[in-house]
Protein backbone atom coordinates (compact mmCIF):
# COMPACT_ATOMS: atom_id res chain seq x y z
CA UNK A 1 -8.76 -4.37 13.98
CA UNK A 2 -10.64 -1.36 15.78
CA UNK A 3 -11.16 1.93 13.90
CA UNK A 4 -9.37 3.43 16.89
CA UNK A 5 -6.26 1.03 16.84
CA UNK A 6 -6.00 1.89 13.29
CA UNK A 7 -5.78 5.64 13.76
CA UNK A 8 -3.18 5.20 16.82
CA UNK A 9 -0.85 3.13 14.41
CA UNK A 10 -1.65 5.50 11.86
CA UNK A 11 -0.25 8.60 13.92
CA UNK A 12 2.74 6.38 15.24
CA UNK A 13 4.07 5.06 11.79
CA UNK A 14 3.48 9.22 10.27
CA UNK A 15 5.30 10.41 13.36
CA UNK A 16 8.34 8.19 11.87
CA UNK A 17 8.21 8.66 8.72
CA UNK A 18 11.28 10.52 7.93
CA UNK A 19 10.48 12.31 4.05
CA UNK A 20 7.85 14.77 6.37
CA UNK A 21 4.12 14.91 5.75
CA UNK A 22 3.92 17.06 2.22
CA UNK A 23 6.03 14.21 0.60
CA UNK A 24 4.34 12.92 -2.15
CA UNK A 25 5.27 9.22 -0.88
CA UNK A 26 3.55 10.50 2.47
CA UNK A 27 0.60 10.41 4.37
CA UNK A 28 -1.53 11.93 1.52
CA UNK A 29 -0.44 9.12 -0.93
CA UNK A 30 -1.03 6.22 1.85
CA UNK A 31 -4.50 7.98 2.02
CA UNK A 32 -5.25 7.63 -1.46
CA UNK A 33 -3.72 3.65 -2.05
CA UNK A 34 -6.40 3.16 0.66
CA UNK A 35 -9.18 4.54 -1.04
CA UNK A 36 -8.06 2.89 -4.08
CA UNK A 37 -7.77 -0.16 -2.33
CA UNK A 38 -10.88 -0.05 -0.51
CA UNK A 39 -12.87 0.60 -3.70
CA UNK A 40 -10.64 -2.40 -5.72
CA UNK A 41 -11.63 -4.61 -3.48
CA UNK A 42 -14.97 -4.12 -3.77
CA UNK A 43 -14.76 -6.22 -6.76
CA UNK A 44 -11.25 -8.30 -6.17
CA UNK A 45 -12.39 -9.91 -3.04
CA UNK A 46 -8.97 -8.79 -1.71
CA UNK A 47 -8.56 -9.04 2.48
CA UNK A 48 -9.12 -5.20 3.32
CA UNK A 49 -7.14 -5.13 6.61
CA UNK A 50 -4.68 -6.16 4.47
CA UNK A 51 -5.02 -3.68 1.72
CA UNK A 52 -5.18 -0.84 4.69
CA UNK A 53 -2.19 -1.82 6.38
CA UNK A 54 -0.25 -2.03 3.07
CA UNK A 55 -1.08 1.30 2.66
CA UNK A 56 0.14 2.57 5.41
CA UNK A 57 3.62 0.46 5.64
CA UNK A 58 4.60 0.53 1.84
CA UNK A 59 6.33 3.81 1.61
CA UNK A 60 6.64 4.32 5.26
CA UNK A 61 10.34 3.97 5.61
CA UNK A 62 11.35 5.78 2.70
CA UNK A 63 14.20 7.83 3.23
CA UNK A 64 14.15 10.06 0.19
CA UNK A 65 11.94 10.93 -2.82
CA UNK A 66 13.69 9.39 -5.63
CA UNK A 67 15.05 5.72 -6.21
CA UNK A 68 14.99 4.21 -2.66
CA UNK A 69 16.23 0.44 -2.97
CA UNK A 70 15.06 -1.52 -0.01
CA UNK A 71 12.23 0.97 1.26
CA UNK A 72 9.43 -2.17 0.84
CA UNK A 73 11.55 -4.19 2.96
CA UNK A 74 11.92 -1.80 5.36
CA UNK A 75 8.37 -0.98 5.45
CA UNK A 76 7.79 -4.75 6.05
CA UNK A 77 10.15 -4.83 8.89
CA UNK A 78 8.64 -2.53 10.52
CA UNK A 79 4.90 -3.82 10.02
CA UNK A 80 6.57 -7.16 11.74
CA UNK A 81 8.26 -4.51 14.54
CA UNK A 82 4.71 -3.18 15.04
CA UNK A 83 2.68 -6.60 14.72
CA UNK A 84 1.37 -7.60 18.29
CA UNK A 85 2.03 -4.47 20.20
CA UNK A 86 0.16 -2.14 17.80
CA UNK A 87 -2.51 -4.64 15.65
CA UNK A 88 -2.52 -8.23 14.88
CA UNK A 89 -3.28 -10.28 12.19
CA UNK A 90 -3.01 -13.94 11.35
CA UNK A 91 0.05 -15.41 10.12
CA UNK A 92 -1.30 -16.23 6.29
CA UNK A 93 -2.52 -12.17 6.43
CA UNK A 94 0.91 -11.09 7.55
CA UNK A 95 2.26 -13.37 4.96
CA UNK A 96 0.45 -11.41 2.24
CA UNK A 97 1.36 -7.72 3.76
CA UNK A 98 4.97 -8.59 3.56
CA UNK A 99 4.71 -9.66 0.22
CA UNK A 100 3.32 -7.07 -0.87
CA UNK A 101 5.12 -4.47 0.55
CA UNK A 102 8.54 -6.22 -0.58
CA UNK A 103 7.36 -6.39 -3.90
CA UNK A 104 5.68 -3.38 -4.59
CA UNK A 105 8.38 -1.65 -6.60
CA UNK A 106 10.09 -4.63 -8.28
CA UNK A 107 7.37 -6.90 -9.36
CA UNK A 108 5.13 -6.19 -12.04
CA UNK A 109 1.93 -8.48 -11.63
CA UNK A 110 0.52 -11.06 -8.88
CA UNK A 111 -2.37 -13.60 -8.89
CA UNK A 112 -2.89 -13.08 -5.68
CA UNK A 113 -6.34 -10.85 -5.46
CA UNK A 114 -4.64 -9.31 -1.89
CA UNK A 115 -1.29 -8.61 -3.55
CA UNK A 116 -2.66 -7.69 -6.66
CA UNK A 117 -4.99 -5.22 -5.52
CA UNK A 118 -2.27 -3.47 -2.99
CA UNK A 119 -0.36 -3.28 -6.05
CA UNK A 120 -2.60 -1.65 -8.13
CA UNK A 121 -3.80 0.81 -5.68
CA UNK A 122 -0.89 1.79 -5.49
CA UNK A 123 0.14 2.43 -8.97
CA UNK A 124 -3.44 3.89 -9.14
CA UNK A 125 -1.82 7.04 -7.84
CA UNK A 126 1.01 7.61 -10.11
CA UNK A 127 -0.53 10.55 -11.49
CA UNK A 128 0.76 12.53 -8.38
CA UNK A 129 4.02 12.27 -9.86
CA UNK A 130 3.02 12.69 -13.71
CA UNK A 131 2.41 9.12 -14.61
CA UNK A 132 -0.75 7.99 -16.21
CA UNK A 133 -2.06 4.89 -14.47
CA UNK A 134 -0.98 2.18 -17.56
CA UNK A 135 -3.94 -0.69 -17.62
CA UNK A 136 -0.38 -3.27 -18.62
CA UNK A 137 0.98 -2.83 -15.31
CA UNK A 138 -2.13 -4.00 -13.02
CA UNK A 139 -2.55 -6.84 -11.82
CA UNK A 140 -6.39 -7.02 -11.04
CA UNK A 141 -9.40 -6.76 -13.97
CA UNK A 142 -10.64 -4.46 -11.87
CA UNK A 143 -7.59 -2.11 -11.57
CA UNK A 144 -7.28 -2.55 -15.43
CA UNK A 145 -10.37 -1.18 -16.15
CA UNK A 146 -9.86 1.87 -13.43
CA UNK A 147 -6.66 2.58 -15.27
CA UNK A 148 -8.35 3.13 -18.44
CA UNK A 149 -11.10 4.95 -17.42
CA UNK A 150 -9.39 6.81 -15.34
CA UNK A 151 -9.41 7.47 -10.95
CA UNK A 152 -10.55 10.46 -10.34
């Protein structure tokens, strides 16, 4: 995926986001998740394309700032609807993206390095809502280390 294609995808997803650009679950958060994920991937071996796409899609279908059951599934469905037109990844990578989006709020840990990296990247940004990231909820060794040491 070229950087231009990713930027076009980012704009398209941002434009349809219902909670607004200043949402605690919006584009600023997505950028933090991408940053955390790319940093984690240097140690976990995660698929960085999946990590970047997860950062964009995992909260993209939220309809409110509080409890929003099903937003991960809706984010995965949005990714599926744009796959093939605005981005394309192999089936195995898409399966990881889908599983990461669907499970990011309900599952605690993953042994898959890419899914674990996605979830850790999101959880390492919990300080934005006043929650200190906890190593017990991280899937990867590096995520645990980052949570213990702080991400800032």
